[in-house]
Amino acid sequence: MARVIVDVMLKPEILDAQGQAIARALPRLGFSGVSAVRQGKRFEVEIDGPADETALSDVRKMAETLLANTVIEDYTVTVES
């Protein structure tokens, strides 16, 4: 069994309203020195068997069809060690 991580983030040119709201709230909560925040999603996918190229290809298909909106979001696929 292997665990594959899919991280999804808005593309850099897309306005991240949630990230901006978080960045504005941090000073009010006593945190300083943060110039920007971008908010995203993380998916942990456990697959049967090894994380070979076939399995990773399937996870990429999952990301493109369900986990990420590829019009406005980028994603990365990594195998957790």
Protein backbone atom coordinates (compact mmCIF):
# COMPACT_ATOMS: atom_id res chain seq x y z
CA MET A 1 0.00 0.00 0.00
CA ALA A 2 1.23 3.50 -0.81
CA ARG A 3 0.04 6.97 0.08
CA VAL A 4 -0.05 9.58 -2.66
CA ILE A 5 -0.51 13.26 -1.83
CA VAL A 6 -2.36 15.59 -4.19
CA ASP A 7 -1.89 19.27 -3.34
CA VAL A 8 -4.25 21.67 -5.12
CA MET A 9 -3.68 25.43 -5.23
CA LEU A 10 -5.24 28.28 -7.15
CA LYS A 11 -3.14 29.33 -10.11
CA PRO A 12 -0.97 32.37 -9.28
CA GLU A 13 -3.00 34.68 -11.52
CA ILE A 14 -6.29 33.79 -9.77
CA LEU A 15 -7.37 35.99 -6.86
CA ASP A 16 -7.32 34.02 -3.59
CA ALA A 17 -9.99 35.77 -1.53
CA GLN A 18 -9.76 33.26 1.33
CA GLY A 19 -6.00 33.65 1.50
CA GLN A 20 -6.35 37.42 1.58
CA ALA A 21 -8.94 37.22 4.38
CA ILE A 22 -6.60 35.01 6.39
CA ALA A 23 -3.67 37.38 5.82
CA ARG A 24 -5.76 40.34 7.03
CA ALA A 25 -6.92 38.43 10.13
CA LEU A 26 -3.46 37.34 11.29
CA PRO A 27 -2.33 40.74 12.64
CA ARG A 28 -5.57 41.06 14.61
CA LEU A 29 -4.74 37.71 16.19
CA GLY A 30 -1.26 38.84 17.18
CA PHE A 31 0.73 37.35 14.29
CA SER A 32 3.12 39.64 12.43
CA GLY A 33 5.56 39.37 9.56
CA VAL A 34 3.23 37.59 7.13
CA SER A 35 3.06 39.34 3.78
CA ALA A 36 0.72 36.94 1.93
CA VAL A 37 -1.28 33.73 2.39
CA ARG A 38 -2.62 31.37 -0.27
CA GLN A 39 -5.12 28.73 0.74
CA GLY A 40 -5.37 25.32 -0.94
CA LYS A 41 -6.49 21.72 -0.56
CA ARG A 42 -4.60 18.51 0.26
CA PHE A 43 -5.83 15.02 -0.61
CA GLU A 44 -4.24 11.83 0.72
CA VAL A 45 -4.97 8.88 -1.56
CA GLU A 46 -4.07 5.40 -0.34
CA ILE A 47 -3.62 2.97 -3.18
CA ASP A 48 -3.29 -0.80 -3.19
CA GLY A 49 0.15 -1.92 -4.29
CA PRO A 50 3.17 0.18 -5.17
CA ALA A 51 3.09 3.78 -6.37
CA ASP A 52 4.37 2.88 -9.82
CA GLU A 53 3.83 4.98 -12.94
CA THR A 54 0.48 3.29 -13.71
CA ALA A 55 -0.88 4.06 -10.25
CA LEU A 56 0.42 7.64 -10.37
CA SER A 57 -1.16 8.10 -13.79
CA ASP A 58 -4.50 7.03 -12.29
CA VAL A 59 -4.10 9.52 -9.42
CA ARG A 60 -3.32 12.29 -11.94
CA LYS A 61 -6.54 11.38 -13.79
CA MET A 62 -8.42 11.60 -10.46
CA ALA A 63 -6.94 15.03 -9.86
CA GLU A 64 -7.82 16.29 -13.33
CA THR A 65 -11.39 14.98 -13.31
CA LEU A 66 -12.49 15.40 -9.69
CA LEU A 67 -9.99 16.82 -7.19
CA ALA A 68 -8.92 19.99 -9.03
CA ASN A 69 -10.61 22.49 -11.29
CA THR A 70 -7.77 22.70 -13.79
CA VAL A 71 -9.12 25.90 -15.31
CA ILE A 72 -8.26 27.84 -12.15
CA GLU A 73 -6.18 25.40 -10.07
CA ASP A 74 -2.81 23.67 -10.35
CA TYR A 75 -2.03 20.39 -8.63
CA THR A 76 1.01 18.36 -7.71
CA VAL A 77 1.19 14.61 -7.08
CA THR A 78 3.83 13.24 -4.71
CA VAL A 79 4.39 9.89 -3.06
CA GLU A 80 4.64 10.04 0.71
CA SER A 81 7.66 8.17 1.99
